[in-house]
Amino acid sequence: MKVSNPVAKIGEDLACKYLVGKGYKIIERNFRKKYQEIDIIAIINSTLVFVEVKTRRSDSFGSPFESITPWKLKHLVRLAQYYKQLHPSLSDYMRMDAIGIILSDDNQVENLEHLENISGF
């Protein structure tokens, strides 16, 4: 699935590069069901990790993480559980992470922050 927002696409590419550098194995990107999407699905240390990526040009309207509302998180968790049902052979150990990225005007990373286990599921 193509990401229509070029800033989001750049952010997801950078997040994947960051995760791979940390030892994660990316198994899927942009998993969709209806109007919901999980940006990155990865595995590290036998844990299935679902990653929401939020990319911004600045933090003048708040951090990227502020757009992950409780409602959004609830839907991400449901979608992650659905993904696990479709792939029962994958690890039962799961978590939801978020990566927030601030880009400069020339698409360089000004800040990248990785929050692990944001949902507690």
PDB file of N, CA and C in Angstrom:
ATOM      1  N   MET A   1       0.840  -1.178   0.000  1.00  0.00           N
ATOM      2  CA  MET A   1       0.000   0.000   0.000  1.00  0.00           C
ATOM      3  C   MET A   1       0.880   1.235   0.000  1.00  0.00           C
ATOM      4  N   LYS A   2       0.648   2.149  -0.891  1.00  0.00           N
ATOM      5  CA  LYS A   2       1.421   3.378  -0.955  1.00  0.00           C
ATOM      6  C   LYS A   2       0.905   4.380   0.067  1.00  0.00           C
ATOM      7  N   VAL A   3       1.842   5.093   0.673  1.00  0.00           N
ATOM      8  CA  VAL A   3       1.484   6.172   1.580  1.00  0.00           C
ATOM      9  C   VAL A   3       1.322   7.413   0.733  1.00  0.00           C
ATOM     10  N   SER A   4       0.158   8.064   0.822  1.00  0.00           N
ATOM     11  CA  SER A   4      -0.122   9.205  -0.043  1.00  0.00           C
ATOM     12  C   SER A   4       0.574  10.475   0.427  1.00  0.00           C
ATOM     13  N   ASN A   5       0.851  10.593   1.699  1.00  0.00           N
ATOM     14  CA  ASN A   5       1.512  11.764   2.246  1.00  0.00           C
ATOM     15  C   ASN A   5       3.032  11.566   2.147  1.00  0.00           C
ATOM     16  N   PRO A   6       3.729  12.408   1.376  1.00  0.00           N
ATOM     17  CA  PRO A   6       5.175  12.191   1.209  1.00  0.00           C
ATOM     18  C   PRO A   6       5.958  12.322   2.519  1.00  0.00           C
ATOM     19  N   VAL A   7       5.528  13.197   3.424  1.00  0.00           N
ATOM     20  CA  VAL A   7       6.216  13.325   4.717  1.00  0.00           C
ATOM     21  C   VAL A   7       6.058  12.031   5.511  1.00  0.00           C
ATOM     22  N   ALA A   8       4.868  11.449   5.489  1.00  0.00           N
ATOM     23  CA  ALA A   8       4.628  10.184   6.182  1.00  0.00           C
ATOM     24  C   ALA A   8       5.487   9.070   5.584  1.00  0.00           C
ATOM     25  N   LYS A   9       5.597   9.026   4.284  1.00  0.00           N
ATOM     26  CA  LYS A   9       6.414   8.000   3.611  1.00  0.00           C
ATOM     27  C   LYS A   9       7.875   8.135   4.013  1.00  0.00           C
ATOM     28  N   ILE A  10       8.379   9.356   4.014  1.00  0.00           N
ATOM     29  CA  ILE A  10       9.766   9.588   4.438  1.00  0.00           C
ATOM     30  C   ILE A  10       9.947   9.126   5.882  1.00  0.00           C
ATOM     31  N   GLY A  11       9.001   9.488   6.746  1.00  0.00           N
ATOM     32  CA  GLY A  11       9.075   9.089   8.147  1.00  0.00           C
ATOM     33  C   GLY A  11       9.053   7.581   8.333  1.00  0.00           C
ATOM     34  N   GLU A  12       8.190   6.900   7.607  1.00  0.00           N
ATOM     35  CA  GLU A  12       8.118   5.441   7.721  1.00  0.00           C
ATOM     36  C   GLU A  12       9.403   4.790   7.217  1.00  0.00           C
ATOM     37  N   ASP A  13       9.968   5.311   6.133  1.00  0.00           N
ATOM     38  CA  ASP A  13      11.242   4.780   5.631  1.00  0.00           C
ATOM     39  C   ASP A  13      12.354   4.972   6.671  1.00  0.00           C
ATOM     40  N   LEU A  14      12.400   6.156   7.284  1.00  0.00           N
ATOM     41  CA  LEU A  14      13.406   6.438   8.315  1.00  0.00           C
ATOM     42  C   LEU A  14      13.194   5.551   9.539  1.00  0.00           C
ATOM     43  N   ALA A  15      11.944   5.345   9.929  1.00  0.00           N
ATOM     44  CA  ALA A  15      11.636   4.489  11.075  1.00  0.00           C
ATOM     45  C   ALA A  15      12.078   3.050  10.811  1.00  0.00           C
ATOM     46  N   CYS A  16      11.837   2.559   9.599  1.00  0.00           N
ATOM     47  CA  CYS A  16      12.276   1.202   9.246  1.00  0.00           C
ATOM     48  C   CYS A  16      13.799   1.089   9.325  1.00  0.00           C
ATOM     49  N   LYS A  17      14.476   2.070   8.786  1.00  0.00           N
ATOM     50  CA  LYS A  17      15.942   2.074   8.816  1.00  0.00           C
ATOM     51  C   LYS A  17      16.449   2.080  10.267  1.00  0.00           C
ATOM     52  N   TYR A  18      15.825   2.903  11.092  1.00  0.00           N
ATOM     53  CA  TYR A  18      16.180   2.967  12.515  1.00  0.00           C
ATOM     54  C   TYR A  18      15.968   1.601  13.185  1.00  0.00           C
ATOM     55  N   LEU A  19      14.789   1.001  12.968  1.00  0.00           N
ATOM     56  CA  LEU A  19      14.468  -0.278  13.603  1.00  0.00           C
ATOM     57  C   LEU A  19      15.420  -1.387  13.148  1.00  0.00           C
ATOM     58  N   VAL A  20      15.683  -1.457  11.862  1.00  0.00           N
ATOM     59  CA  VAL A  20      16.615  -2.474  11.340  1.00  0.00           C
ATOM     60  C   VAL A  20      17.993  -2.282  11.982  1.00  0.00           C
ATOM     61  N   GLY A  21      18.405  -1.040  12.137  1.00  0.00           N
ATOM     62  CA  GLY A  21      19.675  -0.743  12.792  1.00  0.00           C
ATOM     63  C   GLY A  21      19.721  -1.188  14.242  1.00  0.00           C
ATOM     64  N   LYS A  22      18.552  -1.286  14.878  1.00  0.00           N
ATOM     65  CA  LYS A  22      18.444  -1.748  16.262  1.00  0.00           C
ATOM     66  C   LYS A  22      18.244  -3.256  16.357  1.00  0.00           C
ATOM     67  N   GLY A  23      18.219  -3.947  15.200  1.00  0.00           N
ATOM     68  CA  GLY A  23      18.093  -5.400  15.199  1.00  0.00           C
ATOM     69  C   GLY A  23      16.704  -5.946  14.940  1.00  0.00           C
ATOM     70  N   TYR A  24      15.765  -5.080  14.625  1.00  0.00           N
ATOM     71  CA  TYR A  24      14.412  -5.532  14.305  1.00  0.00           C
ATOM     72  C   TYR A  24      14.384  -6.122  12.895  1.00  0.00           C
ATOM     73  N   LYS A  25      13.503  -7.098  12.701  1.00  0.00           N
ATOM     74  CA  LYS A  25      13.253  -7.633  11.361  1.00  0.00           C
ATOM     75  C   LYS A  25      11.872  -7.132  10.937  1.00  0.00           C
ATOM     76  N   ILE A  26      11.835  -6.349   9.880  1.00  0.00           N
ATOM     77  CA  ILE A  26      10.558  -5.830   9.371  1.00  0.00           C
ATOM     78  C   ILE A  26       9.861  -6.954   8.611  1.00  0.00           C
ATOM     79  N   ILE A  27       8.619  -7.260   8.997  1.00  0.00           N
ATOM     80  CA  ILE A  27       7.904  -8.325   8.291  1.00  0.00           C
ATOM     81  C   ILE A  27       6.763  -7.796   7.418  1.00  0.00           C
ATOM     82  N   GLU A  28       6.288  -6.585   7.716  1.00  0.00           N
ATOM     83  CA  GLU A  28       5.238  -6.011   6.871  1.00  0.00           C
ATOM     84  C   GLU A  28       5.144  -4.512   7.125  1.00  0.00           C
ATOM     85  N   ARG A  29       4.723  -3.795   6.076  1.00  0.00           N
ATOM     86  CA  ARG A  29       4.496  -2.358   6.184  1.00  0.00           C
ATOM     87  C   ARG A  29       3.103  -2.032   5.675  1.00  0.00           C
ATOM     88  N   ASN A  30       2.483  -1.048   6.289  1.00  0.00           N
ATOM     89  CA  ASN A  30       1.191  -0.527   5.863  1.00  0.00           C
ATOM     90  C   ASN A  30       0.114  -1.600   5.765  1.00  0.00           C
ATOM     91  N   PHE A  31      -0.018  -2.381   6.832  1.00  0.00           N
ATOM     92  CA  PHE A  31      -1.078  -3.387   6.891  1.00  0.00           C
ATOM     93  C   PHE A  31      -2.401  -2.669   7.114  1.00  0.00           C
ATOM     94  N   ARG A  32      -3.351  -2.917   6.214  1.00  0.00           N
ATOM     95  CA  ARG A  32      -4.635  -2.200   6.252  1.00  0.00           C
ATOM     96  C   ARG A  32      -5.818  -3.151   6.386  1.00  0.00           C
ATOM     97  N   LYS A  33      -6.812  -2.649   7.078  1.00  0.00           N
ATOM     98  CA  LYS A  33      -8.141  -3.271   7.108  1.00  0.00           C
ATOM     99  C   LYS A  33      -9.129  -2.115   7.152  1.00  0.00           C
ATOM    100  N   LYS A  34      -9.909  -2.002   6.119  1.00  0.00           N
ATOM    101  CA  LYS A  34     -10.838  -0.877   5.954  1.00  0.00           C
ATOM    102  C   LYS A  34     -10.068   0.434   6.053  1.00  0.00           C
ATOM    103  N   TYR A  35     -10.415   1.270   7.032  1.00  0.00           N
ATOM    104  CA  TYR A  35      -9.787   2.585   7.137  1.00  0.00           C
ATOM    105  C   TYR A  35      -8.699   2.640   8.200  1.00  0.00           C
ATOM    106  N   GLN A  36      -8.289   1.483   8.686  1.00  0.00           N
ATOM    107  CA  GLN A  36      -7.261   1.426   9.717  1.00  0.00           C
ATOM    108  C   GLN A  36      -5.964   0.899   9.112  1.00  0.00           C
ATOM    109  N   GLU A  37      -4.852   1.329   9.708  1.00  0.00           N
ATOM    110  CA  GLU A  37      -3.557   0.891   9.181  1.00  0.00           C
ATOM    111  C   GLU A  37      -2.530   0.826  10.304  1.00  0.00           C
ATOM    112  N   ILE A  38      -1.709  -0.212  10.248  1.00  0.00           N
ATOM    113  CA  ILE A  38      -0.525  -0.289  11.092  1.00  0.00           C
ATOM    114  C   ILE A  38       0.661  -0.020  10.178  1.00  0.00           C
ATOM    115  N   ASP A  39       1.487   0.949  10.557  1.00  0.00           N
ATOM    116  CA  ASP A  39       2.567   1.394   9.689  1.00  0.00           C
ATOM    117  C   ASP A  39       3.649   0.339   9.502  1.00  0.00           C
ATOM    118  N   ILE A  40       4.118  -0.247  10.597  1.00  0.00           N
ATOM    119  CA  ILE A  40       5.221  -1.216  10.529  1.00  0.00           C
ATOM    120  C   ILE A  40       4.916  -2.375  11.472  1.00  0.00           C
ATOM    121  N   ILE A  41       5.177  -3.582  10.990  1.00  0.00           N
ATOM    122  CA  ILE A  41       5.097  -4.772  11.836  1.00  0.00           C
ATOM    123  C   ILE A  41       6.471  -5.416  11.776  1.00  0.00           C
ATOM    124  N   ALA A  42       7.034  -5.669  12.963  1.00  0.00           N
ATOM    125  CA  ALA A  42       8.401  -6.164  13.039  1.00  0.00           C
ATOM    126  C   ALA A  42       8.519  -7.215  14.141  1.00  0.00           C
ATOM    127  N   ILE A  43       9.659  -7.871  14.164  1.00  0.00           N
ATOM    128  CA  ILE A  43       9.956  -8.843  15.215  1.00  0.00           C
ATOM    129  C   ILE A  43      11.327  -8.513  15.798  1.00  0.00           C
ATOM    130  N   ILE A  44      11.410  -8.564  17.114  1.00  0.00           N
ATOM    131  CA  ILE A  44      12.704  -8.484  17.809  1.00  0.00           C
ATOM    132  C   ILE A  44      12.630  -9.361  19.058  1.00  0.00           C
ATOM    133  N   ASN A  45      13.661 -10.149  19.260  1.00  0.00           N
ATOM    134  CA  ASN A  45      13.749 -11.009  20.450  1.00  0.00           C
ATOM    135  C   ASN A  45      12.457 -11.785  20.698  1.00  0.00           C
ATOM    136  N   SER A  46      11.923 -12.399  19.675  1.00  0.00           N
ATOM    137  CA  SER A  46      10.700 -13.210  19.755  1.00  0.00           C
ATOM    138  C   SER A  46       9.461 -12.417  20.147  1.00  0.00           C
ATOM    139  N   THR A  47       9.492 -11.104  19.976  1.00  0.00           N
ATOM    140  CA  THR A  47       8.331 -10.265  20.251  1.00  0.00           C
ATOM    141  C   THR A  47       7.825  -9.672  18.949  1.00  0.00           C
ATOM    142  N   LEU A  48       6.530  -9.791  18.728  1.00  0.00           N
ATOM    143  CA  LEU A  48       5.873  -9.196  17.573  1.00  0.00           C
ATOM    144  C   LEU A  48       5.560  -7.745  17.927  1.00  0.00           C
ATOM    145  N   VAL A  49       6.110  -6.811  17.151  1.00  0.00           N
ATOM    146  CA  VAL A  49       6.005  -5.392  17.478  1.00  0.00           C
ATOM    147  C   VAL A  49       5.245  -4.661  16.375  1.00  0.00           C
ATOM    148  N   PHE A  50       4.200  -3.957  16.783  1.00  0.00           N
ATOM    149  CA  PHE A  50       3.403  -3.135  15.880  1.00  0.00           C
ATOM    150  C   PHE A  50       3.808  -1.686  16.139  1.00  0.00           C
ATOM    151  N   VAL A  51       4.153  -0.968  15.065  1.00  0.00           N
ATOM    152  CA  VAL A  51       4.720   0.368  15.234  1.00  0.00           C
ATOM    153  C   VAL A  51       3.874   1.413  14.506  1.00  0.00           C
ATOM    154  N   GLU A  52       3.447   2.419  15.259  1.00  0.00           N
ATOM    155  CA  GLU A  52       2.767   3.583  14.702  1.00  0.00           C
ATOM    156  C   GLU A  52       3.817   4.673  14.530  1.00  0.00           C
ATOM    157  N   VAL A  53       3.927   5.213  13.323  1.00  0.00           N
ATOM    158  CA  VAL A  53       4.923   6.243  13.033  1.00  0.00           C
ATOM    159  C   VAL A  53       4.205   7.570  12.805  1.00  0.00           C
ATOM    160  N   LYS A  54       4.649   8.595  13.495  1.00  0.00           N
ATOM    161  CA  LYS A  54       4.104   9.947  13.324  1.00  0.00           C
ATOM    162  C   LYS A  54       5.251  10.881  12.961  1.00  0.00           C
ATOM    163  N   THR A  55       5.119  11.537  11.824  1.00  0.00           N
ATOM    164  CA  THR A  55       6.171  12.407  11.313  1.00  0.00           C
ATOM    165  C   THR A  55       5.633  13.820  11.145  1.00  0.00           C
ATOM    166  N   ARG A  56       6.430  14.779  11.572  1.00  0.00           N
ATOM    167  CA  ARG A  56       6.050  16.187  11.483  1.00  0.00           C
ATOM    168  C   ARG A  56       7.235  17.005  10.966  1.00  0.00           C
ATOM    169  N   ARG A  57       6.933  18.190  10.475  1.00  0.00           N
ATOM    170  CA  ARG A  57       7.979  19.140  10.062  1.00  0.00           C
ATOM    171  C   ARG A  57       8.459  19.984  11.237  1.00  0.00           C
ATOM    172  N   SER A  58       7.628  20.101  12.264  1.00  0.00           N
ATOM    173  CA  SER A  58       8.023  20.831  13.463  1.00  0.00           C
ATOM    174  C   SER A  58       7.153  20.343  14.610  1.00  0.00           C
ATOM    175  N   ASP A  59       7.519  20.752  15.807  1.00  0.00           N
ATOM    176  CA  ASP A  59       6.682  20.397  16.956  1.00  0.00           C
ATOM    177  C   ASP A  59       5.942  21.621  17.489  1.00  0.00           C
ATOM    178  N   SER A  60       5.759  22.620  16.641  1.00  0.00           N
ATOM    179  CA  SER A  60       5.105  23.848  17.075  1.00  0.00           C
ATOM    180  C   SER A  60       3.633  23.630  17.455  1.00  0.00           C
ATOM    181  N   PHE A  61       3.028  22.570  16.963  1.00  0.00           N
ATOM    182  CA  PHE A  61       1.643  22.251  17.340  1.00  0.00           C
ATOM    183  C   PHE A  61       1.595  21.022  18.244  1.00  0.00           C
ATOM    184  N   GLY A  62       2.700  20.726  18.922  1.00  0.00           N
ATOM    185  CA  GLY A  62       2.770  19.576  19.815  1.00  0.00           C
ATOM    186  C   GLY A  62       3.647  18.486  19.242  1.00  0.00           C
ATOM    187  N   SER A  63       3.944  17.524  20.076  1.00  0.00           N
ATOM    188  CA  SER A  63       4.808  16.423  19.646  1.00  0.00           C
ATOM    189  C   SER A  63       4.038  15.495  18.699  1.00  0.00           C
ATOM    190  N   PRO A  64       4.765  14.730  17.897  1.00  0.00           N
ATOM    191  CA  PRO A  64       4.079  13.767  17.021  1.00  0.00           C
ATOM    192  C   PRO A  64       3.202  12.784  17.804  1.00  0.00           C
ATOM    193  N   PHE A  65       3.624  12.458  19.030  1.00  0.00           N
ATOM    194  CA  PHE A  65       2.880  11.470  19.816  1.00  0.00           C
ATOM    195  C   PHE A  65       1.508  11.968  20.268  1.00  0.00           C
ATOM    196  N   GLU A  66       1.330  13.265  20.324  1.00  0.00           N
ATOM    197  CA  GLU A  66       0.047  13.802  20.785  1.00  0.00           C
ATOM    198  C   GLU A  66      -1.109  13.449  19.857  1.00  0.00           C
ATOM    199  N   SER A  67      -0.802  13.068  18.618  1.00  0.00           N
ATOM    200  CA  SER A  67      -1.878  12.687  17.694  1.00  0.00           C
ATOM    201  C   SER A  67      -2.308  11.226  17.867  1.00  0.00           C
ATOM    202  N   ILE A  68      -1.636  10.493  18.753  1.00  0.00           N
ATOM    203  CA  ILE A  68      -2.052   9.114  19.053  1.00  0.00           C
ATOM    204  C   ILE A  68      -3.005   9.187  20.248  1.00  0.00           C
ATOM    205  N   THR A  69      -4.265   9.370  19.934  1.00  0.00           N
ATOM    206  CA  THR A  69      -5.293   9.522  20.963  1.00  0.00           C
ATOM    207  C   THR A  69      -5.653   8.156  21.554  1.00  0.00           C
ATOM    208  N   PRO A  70      -6.313   8.139  22.702  1.00  0.00           N
ATOM    209  CA  PRO A  70      -6.784   6.860  23.249  1.00  0.00           C
ATOM    210  C   PRO A  70      -7.672   6.096  22.259  1.00  0.00           C
ATOM    211  N   TRP A  71      -8.510   6.822  21.510  1.00  0.00           N
ATOM    212  CA  TRP A  71      -9.366   6.192  20.496  1.00  0.00           C
ATOM    213  C   TRP A  71      -8.514   5.534  19.411  1.00  0.00           C
ATOM    214  N   LYS A  72      -7.496   6.255  18.923  1.00  0.00           N
ATOM    215  CA  LYS A  72      -6.606   5.729  17.889  1.00  0.00           C
ATOM    216  C   LYS A  72      -5.866   4.503  18.405  1.00  0.00           C
ATOM    217  N   LEU A  73      -5.372   4.577  19.633  1.00  0.00           N
ATOM    218  CA  LEU A  73      -4.638   3.463  20.217  1.00  0.00           C
ATOM    219  C   LEU A  73      -5.513   2.226  20.360  1.00  0.00           C
ATOM    220  N   LYS A  74      -6.754   2.421  20.775  1.00  0.00           N
ATOM    221  CA  LYS A  74      -7.696   1.309  20.908  1.00  0.00           C
ATOM    222  C   LYS A  74      -7.892   0.604  19.562  1.00  0.00           C
ATOM    223  N   HIS A  75      -8.025   1.382  18.498  1.00  0.00           N
ATOM    224  CA  HIS A  75      -8.203   0.801  17.164  1.00  0.00           C
ATOM    225  C   HIS A  75      -6.930   0.126  16.662  1.00  0.00           C
ATOM    226  N   LEU A  76      -5.782   0.675  16.981  1.00  0.00           N
ATOM    227  CA  LEU A  76      -4.515   0.040  16.606  1.00  0.00           C
ATOM    228  C   LEU A  76      -4.359  -1.318  17.298  1.00  0.00           C
ATOM    229  N   VAL A  77      -4.718  -1.381  18.568  1.00  0.00           N
ATOM    230  CA  VAL A  77      -4.629  -2.643  19.312  1.00  0.00           C
ATOM    231  C   VAL A  77      -5.563  -3.683  18.701  1.00  0.00           C
ATOM    232  N   ARG A  78      -6.775  -3.286  18.373  1.00  0.00           N
ATOM    233  CA  ARG A  78      -7.717  -4.225  17.731  1.00  0.00           C
ATOM    234  C   ARG A  78      -7.172  -4.725  16.395  1.00  0.00           C
ATOM    235  N   LEU A  79      -6.595  -3.821  15.628  1.00  0.00           N
ATOM    236  CA  LEU A  79      -6.039  -4.217  14.329  1.00  0.00           C
ATOM    237  C   LEU A  79      -4.842  -5.148  14.515  1.00  0.00           C
ATOM    238  N   ALA A  80      -4.024  -4.895  15.523  1.00  0.00           N
ATOM    239  CA  ALA A  80      -2.888  -5.774  15.820  1.00  0.00           C
ATOM    240  C   ALA A  80      -3.378  -7.164  16.214  1.00  0.00           C
ATOM    241  N   GLN A  81      -4.431  -7.227  17.015  1.00  0.00           N
ATOM    242  CA  GLN A  81      -5.001  -8.521  17.402  1.00  0.00           C
ATOM    243  C   GLN A  81      -5.565  -9.261  16.193  1.00  0.00           C
ATOM    244  N   TYR A  82      -6.178  -8.534  15.284  1.00  0.00           N
ATOM    245  CA  TYR A  82      -6.683  -9.133  14.049  1.00  0.00           C
ATOM    246  C   TYR A  82      -5.517  -9.681  13.216  1.00  0.00           C
ATOM    247  N   TYR A  83      -4.441  -8.914  13.102  1.00  0.00           N
ATOM    248  CA  TYR A  83      -3.259  -9.360  12.355  1.00  0.00           C
ATOM    249  C   TYR A  83      -2.725 -10.665  12.952  1.00  0.00           C
ATOM    250  N   LYS A  84      -2.675 -10.736  14.274  1.00  0.00           N
ATOM    251  CA  LYS A  84      -2.180 -11.947  14.942  1.00  0.00           C
ATOM    252  C   LYS A  84      -3.086 -13.138  14.646  1.00  0.00           C
ATOM    253  N   GLN A  85      -4.403 -12.914  14.578  1.00  0.00           N
ATOM    254  CA  GLN A  85      -5.325 -14.004  14.223  1.00  0.00           C
ATOM    255  C   GLN A  85      -5.043 -14.515  12.820  1.00  0.00           C
ATOM    256  N   LEU A  86      -4.691 -13.602  11.905  1.00  0.00           N
ATOM    257  CA  LEU A  86      -4.372 -14.007  10.539  1.00  0.00           C
ATOM    258  C   LEU A  86      -3.037 -14.740  10.435  1.00  0.00           C
ATOM    259  N   HIS A  87      -2.166 -14.533  11.413  1.00  0.00           N
ATOM    260  CA  HIS A  87      -0.819 -15.113  11.408  1.00  0.00           C
ATOM    261  C   HIS A  87      -0.555 -15.818  12.746  1.00  0.00           C
ATOM    262  N   PRO A  88      -1.277 -16.907  13.012  1.00  0.00           N
ATOM    263  CA  PRO A  88      -1.168 -17.563  14.330  1.00  0.00           C
ATOM    264  C   PRO A  88       0.210 -18.148  14.621  1.00  0.00           C
ATOM    265  N   SER A  89       1.036 -18.369  13.610  1.00  0.00           N
ATOM    266  CA  SER A  89       2.359 -18.942  13.846  1.00  0.00           C
ATOM    267  C   SER A  89       3.356 -17.912  14.388  1.00  0.00           C
ATOM    268  N   LEU A  90       3.006 -16.626  14.308  1.00  0.00           N
ATOM    269  CA  LEU A  90       3.893 -15.589  14.847  1.00  0.00           C
ATOM    270  C   LEU A  90       3.836 -15.593  16.374  1.00  0.00           C
ATOM    271  N   SER A  91       4.807 -14.980  16.988  1.00  0.00           N
ATOM    272  CA  SER A  91       4.948 -14.951  18.440  1.00  0.00           C
ATOM    273  C   SER A  91       3.678 -14.458  19.138  1.00  0.00           C
ATOM    274  N   ASP A  92       3.393 -15.056  20.293  1.00  0.00           N
ATOM    275  CA  ASP A  92       2.273 -14.600  21.114  1.00  0.00           C
ATOM    276  C   ASP A  92       2.656 -13.378  21.945  1.00  0.00           C
ATOM    277  N   TYR A  93       3.953 -13.118  22.055  1.00  0.00           N
ATOM    278  CA  TYR A  93       4.422 -11.929  22.764  1.00  0.00           C
ATOM    279  C   TYR A  93       4.305 -10.743  21.817  1.00  0.00           C
ATOM    280  N   MET A  94       3.473  -9.775  22.186  1.00  0.00           N
ATOM    281  CA  MET A  94       3.209  -8.642  21.300  1.00  0.00           C
ATOM    282  C   MET A  94       3.293  -7.349  22.087  1.00  0.00           C
ATOM    283  N   ARG A  95       3.628  -6.289  21.355  1.00  0.00           N
ATOM    284  CA  ARG A  95       3.576  -4.956  21.950  1.00  0.00           C
ATOM    285  C   ARG A  95       3.340  -3.926  20.859  1.00  0.00           C
ATOM    286  N   MET A  96       2.877  -2.763  21.295  1.00  0.00           N
ATOM    287  CA  MET A  96       2.620  -1.639  20.396  1.00  0.00           C
ATOM    288  C   MET A  96       3.632  -0.547  20.732  1.00  0.00           C
ATOM    289  N   ASP A  97       4.398  -0.118  19.733  1.00  0.00           N
ATOM    290  CA  ASP A  97       5.375   0.958  19.890  1.00  0.00           C
ATOM    291  C   ASP A  97       4.947   2.164  19.065  1.00  0.00           C
ATOM    292  N   ALA A  98       5.566   3.284  19.341  1.00  0.00           N
ATOM    293  CA  ALA A  98       5.359   4.486  18.528  1.00  0.00           C
ATOM    294  C   ALA A  98       6.717   5.122  18.258  1.00  0.00           C
ATOM    295  N   ILE A  99       6.868   5.630  17.059  1.00  0.00           N
ATOM    296  CA  ILE A  99       8.064   6.384  16.699  1.00  0.00           C
ATOM    297  C   ILE A  99       7.605   7.759  16.235  1.00  0.00           C
ATOM    298  N   GLY A 100       8.142   8.785  16.875  1.00  0.00           N
ATOM    299  CA  GLY A 100       7.844  10.164  16.510  1.00  0.00           C
ATOM    300  C   GLY A 100       9.071  10.779  15.859  1.00  0.00           C
ATOM    301  N   ILE A 101       8.879  11.403  14.707  1.00  0.00           N
ATOM    302  CA  ILE A 101       9.992  11.974  13.955  1.00  0.00           C
ATOM    303  C   ILE A 101       9.692  13.429  13.629  1.00  0.00           C
ATOM    304  N   ILE A 102      10.675  14.294  13.855  1.00  0.00           N
ATOM    305  CA  ILE A 102      10.606  15.688  13.421  1.00  0.00           C
ATOM    306  C   ILE A 102      11.635  15.842  12.304  1.00  0.00           C
ATOM    307  N   LEU A 103      11.176  16.333  11.148  1.00  0.00           N
ATOM    308  CA  LEU A 103      12.045  16.529   9.990  1.00  0.00           C
ATOM    309  C   LEU A 103      12.337  18.012   9.778  1.00  0.00           C
ATOM    310  N   SER A 104      13.520  18.287   9.268  1.00  0.00           N
ATOM    311  CA  SER A 104      13.840  19.643   8.834  1.00  0.00           C
ATOM    312  C   SER A 104      13.202  19.879   7.466  1.00  0.00           C
ATOM    313  N   ASP A 105      13.296  21.102   6.973  1.00  0.00           N
ATOM    314  CA  ASP A 105      12.718  21.422   5.663  1.00  0.00           C
ATOM    315  C   ASP A 105      13.351  20.619   4.531  1.00  0.00           C
ATOM    316  N   ASP A 106      14.601  20.180   4.734  1.00  0.00           N
ATOM    317  CA  ASP A 106      15.270  19.381   3.696  1.00  0.00           C
ATOM    318  C   ASP A 106      15.242  17.878   4.022  1.00  0.00           C
ATOM    319  N   ASN A 107      14.245  17.472   4.824  1.00  0.00           N
ATOM    320  CA  ASN A 107      13.972  16.061   5.141  1.00  0.00           C
ATOM    321  C   ASN A 107      15.066  15.365   5.937  1.00  0.00           C
ATOM    322  N   GLN A 108      15.838  16.121   6.689  1.00  0.00           N
ATOM    323  CA  GLN A 108      16.815  15.526   7.595  1.00  0.00           C
ATOM    324  C   GLN A 108      16.153  15.346   8.961  1.00  0.00           C
ATOM    325  N   VAL A 109      16.557  14.306   9.666  1.00  0.00           N
ATOM    326  CA  VAL A 109      15.973  14.026  10.979  1.00  0.00           C
ATOM    327  C   VAL A 109      16.499  15.030  12.002  1.00  0.00           C
ATOM    328  N   GLU A 110      15.593  15.789  12.568  1.00  0.00           N
ATOM    329  CA  GLU A 110      15.952  16.676  13.673  1.00  0.00           C
ATOM    330  C   GLU A 110      15.792  15.955  14.997  1.00  0.00           C
ATOM    331  N   ASN A 111      14.786  15.081  15.065  1.00  0.00           N
ATOM    332  CA  ASN A 111      14.554  14.308  16.281  1.00  0.00           C
ATOM    333  C   ASN A 111      13.815  13.027  15.917  1.00  0.00           C
ATOM    334  N   LEU A 112      14.239  11.921  16.509  1.00  0.00           N
ATOM    335  CA  LEU A 112      13.551  10.639  16.366  1.00  0.00           C
ATOM    336  C   LEU A 112      13.454  10.046  17.759  1.00  0.00           C
ATOM    337  N   GLU A 113      12.229   9.766  18.177  1.00  0.00           N
ATOM    338  CA  GLU A 113      12.006   9.195  19.501  1.00  0.00           C
ATOM    339  C   GLU A 113      11.194   7.917  19.353  1.00  0.00           C
ATOM    340  N   HIS A 114      11.622   6.874  20.072  1.00  0.00           N
ATOM    341  CA  HIS A 114      10.980   5.562  20.005  1.00  0.00           C
ATOM    342  C   HIS A 114      10.418   5.243  21.389  1.00  0.00           C
ATOM    343  N   LEU A 115       9.106   5.119  21.474  1.00  0.00           N
ATOM    344  CA  LEU A 115       8.443   4.724  22.719  1.00  0.00           C
ATOM    345  C   LEU A 115       7.984   3.275  22.586  1.00  0.00           C
ATOM    346  N   GLU A 116       8.416   2.446  23.508  1.00  0.00           N
ATOM    347  CA  GLU A 116       8.060   1.025  23.486  1.00  0.00           C
ATOM    348  C   GLU A 116       6.851   0.753  24.362  1.00  0.00           C
ATOM    349  N   ASN A 117       6.036  -0.191  23.926  1.00  0.00           N
ATOM    350  CA  ASN A 117       4.906  -0.717  24.694  1.00  0.00           C
ATOM    351  C   ASN A 117       3.949   0.384  25.162  1.00  0.00           C
ATOM    352  N   ILE A 118       3.425   1.120  24.203  1.00  0.00           N
ATOM    353  CA  ILE A 118       2.547   2.254  24.531  1.00  0.00           C
ATOM    354  C   ILE A 118       1.135   1.820  24.914  1.00  0.00           C
ATOM    355  N   SER A 119       0.787   0.558  24.652  1.00  0.00           N
ATOM    356  CA  SER A 119      -0.593   0.129  24.913  1.00  0.00           C
ATOM    357  C   SER A 119      -0.733  -0.799  26.107  1.00  0.00           C
ATOM    358  N   GLY A 120       0.312  -1.503  26.450  1.00  0.00           N
ATOM    359  CA  GLY A 120       0.232  -2.443  27.557  1.00  0.00           C
ATOM    360  C   GLY A 120      -0.574  -3.705  27.258  1.00  0.00           C
ATOM    361  N   PHE A 121      -0.728  -4.044  25.957  1.00  0.00           N
ATOM    362  CA  PHE A 121      -1.496  -5.270  25.653  1.00  0.00           C
ATOM    363  C   PHE A 121      -0.595  -6.456  25.487  1.00  0.00           C
TER     364      PHE A 121
END
